[in-house]
Structure formats: structure tokens, C-alpha cells
PDB file of N, CA and C in Angstrom:
ATOM      1  N   UNK A   1       0.826  -1.190   0.000  1.00  0.00           N
ATOM      2  CA  UNK A   1       0.000   0.000   0.000  1.00  0.00           C
ATOM      3  C   UNK A   1       0.868   1.250   0.000  1.00  0.00           C
ATOM      4  N   UNK A   2       1.954   1.219   0.780  1.00  0.00           N
ATOM      5  CA  UNK A   2       2.825   2.388   0.850  1.00  0.00           C
ATOM      6  C   UNK A   2       3.472   2.687  -0.499  1.00  0.00           C
ATOM      7  N   UNK A   3       3.810   1.658  -1.260  1.00  0.00           N
ATOM      8  CA  UNK A   3       4.394   1.873  -2.581  1.00  0.00           C
ATOM      9  C   UNK A   3       3.387   2.531  -3.524  1.00  0.00           C
ATOM     10  N   UNK A   4       2.132   2.133  -3.438  1.00  0.00           N
ATOM     11  CA  UNK A   4       1.088   2.736  -4.270  1.00  0.00           C
ATOM     12  C   UNK A   4       0.925   4.209  -3.893  1.00  0.00           C
ATOM     13  N   UNK A   5       0.881   4.482  -2.607  1.00  0.00           N
ATOM     14  CA  UNK A   5       0.730   5.862  -2.127  1.00  0.00           C
ATOM     15  C   UNK A   5       1.912   6.716  -2.582  1.00  0.00           C
ATOM     16  N   UNK A   6       3.116   6.198  -2.409  1.00  0.00           N
ATOM     17  CA  UNK A   6       4.317   6.945  -2.823  1.00  0.00           C
ATOM     18  C   UNK A   6       4.315   7.208  -4.322  1.00  0.00           C
ATOM     19  N   UNK A   7       3.936   6.195  -5.105  1.00  0.00           N
ATOM     20  CA  UNK A   7       3.905   6.361  -6.560  1.00  0.00           C
ATOM     21  C   UNK A   7       2.869   7.405  -6.966  1.00  0.00           C
ATOM     22  N   UNK A   8       1.710   7.385  -6.325  1.00  0.00           N
ATOM     23  CA  UNK A   8       0.671   8.366  -6.641  1.00  0.00           C
ATOM     24  C   UNK A   8       1.138   9.775  -6.280  1.00  0.00           C
ATOM     25  N   UNK A   9       1.724   9.937  -5.106  1.00  0.00           N
ATOM     26  CA  UNK A   9       2.201  11.264  -4.691  1.00  0.00           C
ATOM     27  C   UNK A   9       3.299  11.776  -5.625  1.00  0.00           C
ATOM     28  N   UNK A  10       4.207  10.894  -6.032  1.00  0.00           N
ATOM     29  CA  UNK A  10       5.264  11.291  -6.970  1.00  0.00           C
ATOM     30  C   UNK A  10       4.670  11.709  -8.302  1.00  0.00           C
ATOM     31  N   UNK A  11       3.701  10.945  -8.779  1.00  0.00           N
ATOM     32  CA  UNK A  11       3.052  11.272 -10.047  1.00  0.00           C
ATOM     33  C   UNK A  11       2.351  12.622  -9.971  1.00  0.00           C
ATOM     34  N   UNK A  12       1.645  12.876  -8.891  1.00  0.00           N
ATOM     35  CA  UNK A  12       0.961  14.162  -8.714  1.00  0.00           C
ATOM     36  C   UNK A  12       1.980  15.293  -8.668  1.00  0.00           C
ATOM     37  N   UNK A  13       3.088  15.073  -7.958  1.00  0.00           N
ATOM     38  CA  UNK A  13       4.135  16.104  -7.872  1.00  0.00           C
ATOM     39  C   UNK A  13       4.726  16.439  -9.242  1.00  0.00           C
ATOM     40  N   UNK A  14       4.779  15.466 -10.135  1.00  0.00           N
ATOM     41  CA  UNK A  14       5.370  15.657 -11.458  1.00  0.00           C
ATOM     42  C   UNK A  14       4.343  16.060 -12.521  1.00  0.00           C
ATOM     43  N   UNK A  15       3.085  16.152 -12.138  1.00  0.00           N
ATOM     44  CA  UNK A  15       2.007  16.480 -13.068  1.00  0.00           C
ATOM     45  C   UNK A  15       1.893  17.989 -13.210  1.00  0.00           C
ATOM     46  N   UNK A  16       1.707  18.485 -14.451  1.00  0.00           N
ATOM     47  CA  UNK A  16       1.547  19.932 -14.652  1.00  0.00           C
ATOM     48  C   UNK A  16       0.362  20.478 -13.835  1.00  0.00           C
ATOM     49  N   UNK A  17       0.491  21.699 -13.330  1.00  0.00           N
ATOM     50  CA  UNK A  17      -0.544  22.281 -12.462  1.00  0.00           C
ATOM     51  C   UNK A  17      -1.943  22.291 -13.084  1.00  0.00           C
ATOM     52  N   UNK A  18      -2.036  22.524 -14.395  1.00  0.00           N
ATOM     53  CA  UNK A  18      -3.365  22.567 -15.014  1.00  0.00           C
ATOM     54  C   UNK A  18      -4.060  21.207 -14.964  1.00  0.00           C
ATOM     55  N   UNK A  19      -3.287  20.131 -14.974  1.00  0.00           N
ATOM     56  CA  UNK A  19      -3.889  18.804 -14.852  1.00  0.00           C
ATOM     57  C   UNK A  19      -4.208  18.475 -13.395  1.00  0.00           C
ATOM     58  N   UNK A  20      -3.371  18.933 -12.476  1.00  0.00           N
ATOM     59  CA  UNK A  20      -3.655  18.727 -11.054  1.00  0.00           C
ATOM     60  C   UNK A  20      -4.949  19.448 -10.681  1.00  0.00           C
ATOM     61  N   UNK A  21      -5.186  20.616 -11.267  1.00  0.00           N
ATOM     62  CA  UNK A  21      -6.434  21.325 -10.964  1.00  0.00           C
ATOM     63  C   UNK A  21      -7.640  20.516 -11.438  1.00  0.00           C
ATOM     64  N   UNK A  22      -7.502  19.792 -12.552  1.00  0.00           N
ATOM     65  CA  UNK A  22      -8.579  18.899 -13.005  1.00  0.00           C
ATOM     66  C   UNK A  22      -8.787  17.761 -12.011  1.00  0.00           C
ATOM     67  N   UNK A  23      -7.685  17.207 -11.496  1.00  0.00           N
ATOM     68  CA  UNK A  23      -7.806  16.138 -10.502  1.00  0.00           C
ATOM     69  C   UNK A  23      -8.501  16.647  -9.246  1.00  0.00           C
ATOM     70  N   UNK A  24      -8.163  17.845  -8.833  1.00  0.00           N
ATOM     71  CA  UNK A  24      -8.801  18.424  -7.651  1.00  0.00           C
ATOM     72  C   UNK A  24     -10.294  18.627  -7.900  1.00  0.00           C
ATOM     73  N   UNK A  25     -10.618  19.084  -9.101  1.00  0.00           N
ATOM     74  CA  UNK A  25     -12.021  19.356  -9.424  1.00  0.00           C
ATOM     75  C   UNK A  25     -12.836  18.081  -9.620  1.00  0.00           C
ATOM     76  N   UNK A  26     -12.289  17.112 -10.363  1.00  0.00           N
ATOM     77  CA  UNK A  26     -13.064  15.928 -10.748  1.00  0.00           C
ATOM     78  C   UNK A  26     -12.731  14.674  -9.952  1.00  0.00           C
ATOM     79  N   UNK A  27     -11.565  14.638  -9.333  1.00  0.00           N
ATOM     80  CA  UNK A  27     -11.162  13.469  -8.570  1.00  0.00           C
ATOM     81  C   UNK A  27     -10.304  12.520  -9.379  1.00  0.00           C
ATOM     82  N   UNK A  28      -9.865  11.478  -8.711  1.00  0.00           N
ATOM     83  CA  UNK A  28      -9.020  10.453  -9.303  1.00  0.00           C
ATOM     84  C   UNK A  28      -9.836   9.176  -9.385  1.00  0.00           C
ATOM     85  N   UNK A  29      -9.954   8.618 -10.585  1.00  0.00           N
ATOM     86  CA  UNK A  29     -10.698   7.381 -10.786  1.00  0.00           C
ATOM     87  C   UNK A  29      -9.746   6.195 -10.735  1.00  0.00           C
ATOM     88  N   UNK A  30     -10.086   5.210  -9.954  1.00  0.00           N
ATOM     89  CA  UNK A  30      -9.318   3.973  -9.892  1.00  0.00           C
ATOM     90  C   UNK A  30      -9.953   2.955 -10.832  1.00  0.00           C
ATOM     91  N   UNK A  31      -9.124   2.278 -11.620  1.00  0.00           N
ATOM     92  CA  UNK A  31      -9.624   1.278 -12.557  1.00  0.00           C
ATOM     93  C   UNK A  31      -8.775   0.022 -12.451  1.00  0.00           C
ATOM     94  N   UNK A  32      -9.317  -1.079 -12.933  1.00  0.00           N
ATOM     95  CA  UNK A  32      -8.599  -2.347 -12.891  1.00  0.00           C
ATOM     96  C   UNK A  32      -8.907  -3.095 -11.605  1.00  0.00           C
ATOM     97  N   UNK A  33      -8.364  -4.283 -11.508  1.00  0.00           N
ATOM     98  CA  UNK A  33      -8.628  -5.131 -10.356  1.00  0.00           C
ATOM     99  C   UNK A  33      -8.161  -4.532  -9.049  1.00  0.00           C
ATOM    100  N   UNK A  34      -7.057  -3.797  -9.078  1.00  0.00           N
ATOM    101  CA  UNK A  34      -6.556  -3.176  -7.857  1.00  0.00           C
ATOM    102  C   UNK A  34      -7.525  -2.180  -7.258  1.00  0.00           C
ATOM    103  N   UNK A  35      -8.372  -1.602  -8.106  1.00  0.00           N
ATOM    104  CA  UNK A  35      -9.360  -0.633  -7.620  1.00  0.00           C
ATOM    105  C   UNK A  35     -10.337  -1.274  -6.646  1.00  0.00           C
ATOM    106  N   UNK A  36     -10.448  -2.593  -6.690  1.00  0.00           N
ATOM    107  CA  UNK A  36     -11.392  -3.297  -5.832  1.00  0.00           C
ATOM    108  C   UNK A  36     -10.823  -3.636  -4.460  1.00  0.00           C
ATOM    109  N   UNK A  37      -9.555  -3.278  -4.215  1.00  0.00           N
ATOM    110  CA  UNK A  37      -8.986  -3.514  -2.894  1.00  0.00           C
ATOM    111  C   UNK A  37      -9.756  -2.703  -1.862  1.00  0.00           C
ATOM    112  N   UNK A  38     -10.247  -3.380  -0.857  1.00  0.00           N
ATOM    113  CA  UNK A  38     -11.080  -2.736   0.150  1.00  0.00           C
ATOM    114  C   UNK A  38     -10.315  -1.609   0.849  1.00  0.00           C
ATOM    115  N   UNK A  39     -10.904  -0.420   0.845  1.00  0.00           N
ATOM    116  CA  UNK A  39     -10.343   0.730   1.534  1.00  0.00           C
ATOM    117  C   UNK A  39      -9.313   1.512   0.741  1.00  0.00           C
ATOM    118  N   UNK A  40      -8.956   1.057  -0.468  1.00  0.00           N
ATOM    119  CA  UNK A  40      -7.916   1.738  -1.240  1.00  0.00           C
ATOM    120  C   UNK A  40      -8.318   3.163  -1.592  1.00  0.00           C
ATOM    121  N   UNK A  41      -9.502   3.346  -2.121  1.00  0.00           N
ATOM    122  CA  UNK A  41      -9.938   4.683  -2.528  1.00  0.00           C
ATOM    123  C   UNK A  41      -9.944   5.636  -1.339  1.00  0.00           C
ATOM    124  N   UNK A  42     -10.444   5.169  -0.217  1.00  0.00           N
ATOM    125  CA  UNK A  42     -10.513   6.017   0.973  1.00  0.00           C
ATOM    126  C   UNK A  42      -9.114   6.390   1.460  1.00  0.00           C
ATOM    127  N   UNK A  43      -8.215   5.427   1.463  1.00  0.00           N
ATOM    128  CA  UNK A  43      -6.843   5.698   1.935  1.00  0.00           C
ATOM    129  C   UNK A  43      -6.137   6.677   1.004  1.00  0.00           C
ATOM    130  N   UNK A  44      -6.273   6.470  -0.317  1.00  0.00           N
ATOM    131  CA  UNK A  44      -5.645   7.382  -1.265  1.00  0.00           C
ATOM    132  C   UNK A  44      -6.233   8.782  -1.148  1.00  0.00           C
ATOM    133  N   UNK A  45      -7.518   8.854  -0.885  1.00  0.00           N
ATOM    134  CA  UNK A  45      -8.165  10.148  -0.698  1.00  0.00           C
ATOM    135  C   UNK A  45      -7.599  10.860   0.526  1.00  0.00           C
ATOM    136  N   UNK A  46      -7.415  10.124   1.612  1.00  0.00           N
ATOM    137  CA  UNK A  46      -6.830  10.707   2.828  1.00  0.00           C
ATOM    138  C   UNK A  46      -5.411  11.203   2.568  1.00  0.00           C
ATOM    139  N   UNK A  47      -4.639  10.406   1.848  1.00  0.00           N
ATOM    140  CA  UNK A  47      -3.228  10.725   1.614  1.00  0.00           C
ATOM    141  C   UNK A  47      -3.037  11.901   0.655  1.00  0.00           C
ATOM    142  N   UNK A  48      -3.920  12.011  -0.342  1.00  0.00           N
ATOM    143  CA  UNK A  48      -3.758  13.042  -1.368  1.00  0.00           C
ATOM    144  C   UNK A  48      -4.613  14.275  -1.111  1.00  0.00           C
ATOM    145  N   UNK A  49      -5.564  14.168  -0.205  1.00  0.00           N
ATOM    146  CA  UNK A  49      -6.524  15.251   0.055  1.00  0.00           C
ATOM    147  C   UNK A  49      -7.352  15.566  -1.194  1.00  0.00           C
ATOM    148  N   UNK A  50      -7.567  14.534  -2.007  1.00  0.00           N
ATOM    149  CA  UNK A  50      -8.388  14.660  -3.218  1.00  0.00           C
ATOM    150  C   UNK A  50      -9.462  13.585  -3.187  1.00  0.00           C
ATOM    151  N   UNK A  51     -10.517  13.821  -3.941  1.00  0.00           N
ATOM    152  CA  UNK A  51     -11.563  12.817  -4.078  1.00  0.00           C
ATOM    153  C   UNK A  51     -11.011  11.665  -4.921  1.00  0.00           C
ATOM    154  N   UNK A  52     -11.050  10.463  -4.396  1.00  0.00           N
ATOM    155  CA  UNK A  52     -10.620   9.267  -5.122  1.00  0.00           C
ATOM    156  C   UNK A  52     -11.802   8.313  -5.116  1.00  0.00           C
ATOM    157  N   UNK A  53     -12.123   7.785  -6.285  1.00  0.00           N
ATOM    158  CA  UNK A  53     -13.288   6.904  -6.385  1.00  0.00           C
ATOM    159  C   UNK A  53     -12.989   5.740  -7.333  1.00  0.00           C
ATOM    160  N   UNK A  54     -13.760   4.695  -7.193  1.00  0.00           N
ATOM    161  CA  UNK A  54     -13.632   3.519  -8.054  1.00  0.00           C
ATOM    162  C   UNK A  54     -14.500   3.757  -9.283  1.00  0.00           C
ATOM    163  N   UNK A  55     -13.902   3.589 -10.459  1.00  0.00           N
ATOM    164  CA  UNK A  55     -14.633   3.768 -11.715  1.00  0.00           C
ATOM    165  C   UNK A  55     -15.775   2.758 -11.802  1.00  0.00           C
ATOM    166  N   UNK A  56     -16.796   3.140 -12.536  1.00  0.00           N
ATOM    167  CA  UNK A  56     -17.896   2.217 -12.769  1.00  0.00           C
ATOM    168  C   UNK A  56     -17.357   1.026 -13.534  1.00  0.00           C
ATOM    169  N   UNK A  57     -17.615  -0.164 -13.057  1.00  0.00           N
ATOM    170  CA  UNK A  57     -17.162  -1.407 -13.668  1.00  0.00           C
ATOM    171  C   UNK A  57     -15.647  -1.382 -13.910  1.00  0.00           C
ATOM    172  N   UNK A  58     -14.870  -1.282 -12.834  1.00  0.00           N
ATOM    173  CA  UNK A  58     -13.426  -1.094 -12.963  1.00  0.00           C
ATOM    174  C   UNK A  58     -12.696  -2.221 -13.688  1.00  0.00           C
ATOM    175  N   UNK A  59     -13.253  -3.417 -13.685  1.00  0.00           N
ATOM    176  CA  UNK A  59     -12.568  -4.536 -14.338  1.00  0.00           C
ATOM    177  C   UNK A  59     -12.589  -4.452 -15.856  1.00  0.00           C
ATOM    178  N   UNK A  60     -13.569  -3.754 -16.417  1.00  0.00           N
ATOM    179  CA  UNK A  60     -13.649  -3.703 -17.884  1.00  0.00           C
ATOM    180  C   UNK A  60     -13.552  -2.294 -18.461  1.00  0.00           C
ATOM    181  N   UNK A  61     -13.532  -1.266 -17.619  1.00  0.00           N
ATOM    182  CA  UNK A  61     -13.594   0.096 -18.155  1.00  0.00           C
ATOM    183  C   UNK A  61     -12.372   0.441 -19.007  1.00  0.00           C
ATOM    184  N   UNK A  62     -11.200  -0.040 -18.669  1.00  0.00           N
ATOM    185  CA  UNK A  62     -10.007   0.262 -19.461  1.00  0.00           C
ATOM    186  C   UNK A  62     -10.116  -0.388 -20.835  1.00  0.00           C
ATOM    187  N   UNK A  63     -10.575  -1.624 -20.868  1.00  0.00           N
ATOM    188  CA  UNK A  63     -10.731  -2.325 -22.147  1.00  0.00           C
ATOM    189  C   UNK A  63     -11.784  -1.636 -23.008  1.00  0.00           C
ATOM    190  N   UNK A  64     -12.901  -1.238 -22.388  1.00  0.00           N
ATOM    191  CA  UNK A  64     -13.941  -0.555 -23.159  1.00  0.00           C
ATOM    192  C   UNK A  64     -13.442   0.790 -23.679  1.00  0.00           C
ATOM    193  N   UNK A  65     -12.699   1.516 -22.866  1.00  0.00           N
ATOM    194  CA  UNK A  65     -12.130   2.793 -23.307  1.00  0.00           C
ATOM    195  C   UNK A  65     -11.143   2.605 -24.443  1.00  0.00           C
ATOM    196  N   UNK A  66     -10.329   1.571 -24.369  1.00  0.00           N
ATOM    197  CA  UNK A  66      -9.385   1.278 -25.447  1.00  0.00           C
ATOM    198  C   UNK A  66     -10.133   0.961 -26.731  1.00  0.00           C
ATOM    199  N   UNK A  67     -11.226   0.229 -26.622  1.00  0.00           N
ATOM    200  CA  UNK A  67     -12.052  -0.064 -27.789  1.00  0.00           C
ATOM    201  C   UNK A  67     -12.607   1.204 -28.417  1.00  0.00           C
ATOM    202  N   UNK A  68     -13.018   2.148 -27.600  1.00  0.00           N
ATOM    203  CA  UNK A  68     -13.525   3.422 -28.119  1.00  0.00           C
ATOM    204  C   UNK A  68     -12.425   4.188 -28.835  1.00  0.00           C
ATOM    205  N   UNK A  69     -11.220   4.157 -28.293  1.00  0.00           N
ATOM    206  CA  UNK A  69     -10.086   4.827 -28.943  1.00  0.00           C
ATOM    207  C   UNK A  69      -9.832   4.185 -30.303  1.00  0.00           C
ATOM    208  N   UNK A  70      -9.839   2.863 -30.357  1.00  0.00           N
ATOM    209  CA  UNK A  70      -9.592   2.172 -31.625  1.00  0.00           C
ATOM    210  C   UNK A  70     -10.666   2.492 -32.661  1.00  0.00           C
ATOM    211  N   UNK A  71     -11.908   2.665 -32.216  1.00  0.00           N
ATOM    212  CA  UNK A  71     -12.992   3.019 -33.135  1.00  0.00           C
ATOM    213  C   UNK A  71     -12.806   4.419 -33.710  1.00  0.00           C
ATOM    214  N   UNK A  72     -12.139   5.293 -32.975  1.00  0.00           N
ATOM    215  CA  UNK A  72     -11.920   6.675 -33.409  1.00  0.00           C
ATOM    216  C   UNK A  72     -10.459   6.937 -33.762  1.00  0.00           C
ATOM    217  N   UNK A  73      -9.731   5.889 -34.092  1.00  0.00           N
ATOM    218  CA  UNK A  73      -8.292   6.022 -34.305  1.00  0.00           C
ATOM    219  C   UNK A  73      -7.943   7.007 -35.413  1.00  0.00           C
ATOM    220  N   UNK A  74      -8.667   7.004 -36.517  1.00  0.00           N
ATOM    221  CA  UNK A  74      -8.370   7.938 -37.607  1.00  0.00           C
ATOM    222  C   UNK A  74      -8.545   9.387 -37.148  1.00  0.00           C
ATOM    223  N   UNK A  75      -9.610   9.657 -36.422  1.00  0.00           N
ATOM    224  CA  UNK A  75      -9.845  11.006 -35.908  1.00  0.00           C
ATOM    225  C   UNK A  75      -8.745  11.404 -34.935  1.00  0.00           C
ATOM    226  N   UNK A  76      -8.414  10.517 -34.021  1.00  0.00           N
ATOM    227  CA  UNK A  76      -7.383  10.825 -33.038  1.00  0.00           C
ATOM    228  C   UNK A  76      -6.018  10.994 -33.695  1.00  0.00           C
ATOM    229  N   UNK A  77      -5.761  10.232 -34.730  1.00  0.00           N
ATOM    230  CA  UNK A  77      -4.484  10.354 -35.439  1.00  0.00           C
ATOM    231  C   UNK A  77      -4.358  11.756 -36.030  1.00  0.00           C
ATOM    232  N   UNK A  78      -5.454  12.306 -36.556  1.00  0.00           N
ATOM    233  CA  UNK A  78      -5.426  13.656 -37.119  1.00  0.00           C
ATOM    234  C   UNK A  78      -5.134  14.687 -36.034  1.00  0.00           C
ATOM    235  N   UNK A  79      -5.705  14.509 -34.870  1.00  0.00           N
ATOM    236  CA  UNK A  79      -5.484  15.441 -33.772  1.00  0.00           C
ATOM    237  C   UNK A  79      -4.037  15.371 -33.302  1.00  0.00           C
ATOM    238  N   UNK A  80      -3.520  14.182 -33.154  1.00  0.00           N
ATOM    239  CA  UNK A  80      -2.154  14.002 -32.656  1.00  0.00           C
ATOM    240  C   UNK A  80      -1.127  14.502 -33.658  1.00  0.00           C
ATOM    241  N   UNK A  81      -1.394  14.373 -34.952  1.00  0.00           N
ATOM    242  CA  UNK A  81      -0.414  14.776 -35.959  1.00  0.00           C
ATOM    243  C   UNK A  81      -0.605  16.200 -36.449  1.00  0.00           C
ATOM    244  N   UNK A  82      -1.656  16.876 -35.982  1.00  0.00           N
ATOM    245  CA  UNK A  82      -1.848  18.272 -36.378  1.00  0.00           C
ATOM    246  C   UNK A  82      -0.833  19.141 -35.653  1.00  0.00           C
ATOM    247  N   UNK A  83      -0.465  20.297 -36.233  1.00  0.00           N
ATOM    248  CA  UNK A  83       0.522  21.160 -35.551  1.00  0.00           C
ATOM    249  C   UNK A  83       0.092  21.571 -34.158  1.00  0.00           C
ATOM    250  N   UNK A  84      -1.198  21.772 -33.907  1.00  0.00           N
ATOM    251  CA  UNK A  84      -1.661  22.169 -32.576  1.00  0.00           C
ATOM    252  C   UNK A  84      -1.605  20.993 -31.597  1.00  0.00           C
ATOM    253  N   UNK A  85      -1.679  19.751 -32.124  1.00  0.00           N
ATOM    254  CA  UNK A  85      -1.657  18.572 -31.262  1.00  0.00           C
ATOM    255  C   UNK A  85      -0.260  18.144 -30.858  1.00  0.00           C
ATOM    256  N   UNK A  86       0.757  18.681 -31.501  1.00  0.00           N
ATOM    257  CA  UNK A  86       2.129  18.283 -31.171  1.00  0.00           C
ATOM    258  C   UNK A  86       2.608  19.004 -29.934  1.00  0.00           C
ATOM    259  N   UNK A  87       3.446  18.327 -29.175  1.00  0.00           N
ATOM    260  CA  UNK A  87       4.015  18.913 -27.947  1.00  0.00           C
ATOM    261  C   UNK A  87       5.510  18.892 -28.053  1.00  0.00           C
TER     262      UNK A  87
END
């Protein structure tokens, strides 16, 4: 648990402020099997002082999201390769 907490805090520390403000506003969604660990969301919320919640259907949400990306791959490719989409 401590390794997860440390990794999350390090990630937040390295995240640009504009994205951290989104996390503060909307919260952190946990996905995957680890999201089902009892008390994880509450502990992470205490440690980060942010709202942390388990995504709806955490076991399949990543796969479903990936499927949506693949369905829109041509559109996303245009956004990523456009001059405004480059970083």
C-alpha cells in the first residue's frame, strides 16, 4: 500500500498544475482489479486530500475505453499529428 501511495504522490508532484487542478475538481478514478482492494480509494483520498473513487465497472472500463479509442483512431491520429496537437 505504501508503494502505491508513494507512486501516486510522486506522479501528482510531477504532473503539470493545469492537470492537477482537473484532478482536484473531478477526482481520481481507480480502474482495474486493484481498484477493488477494500479501503484503497478512501486511503488514497486521505493521503492526497483529493476525491478518489472507483470507476464504474473497474474490471472492464479500461478495455472498453481502449475499444472506443480504436474506433476513433483515424480522428485521433489527425489530432495528434496536427501542428496544434504536437508537444
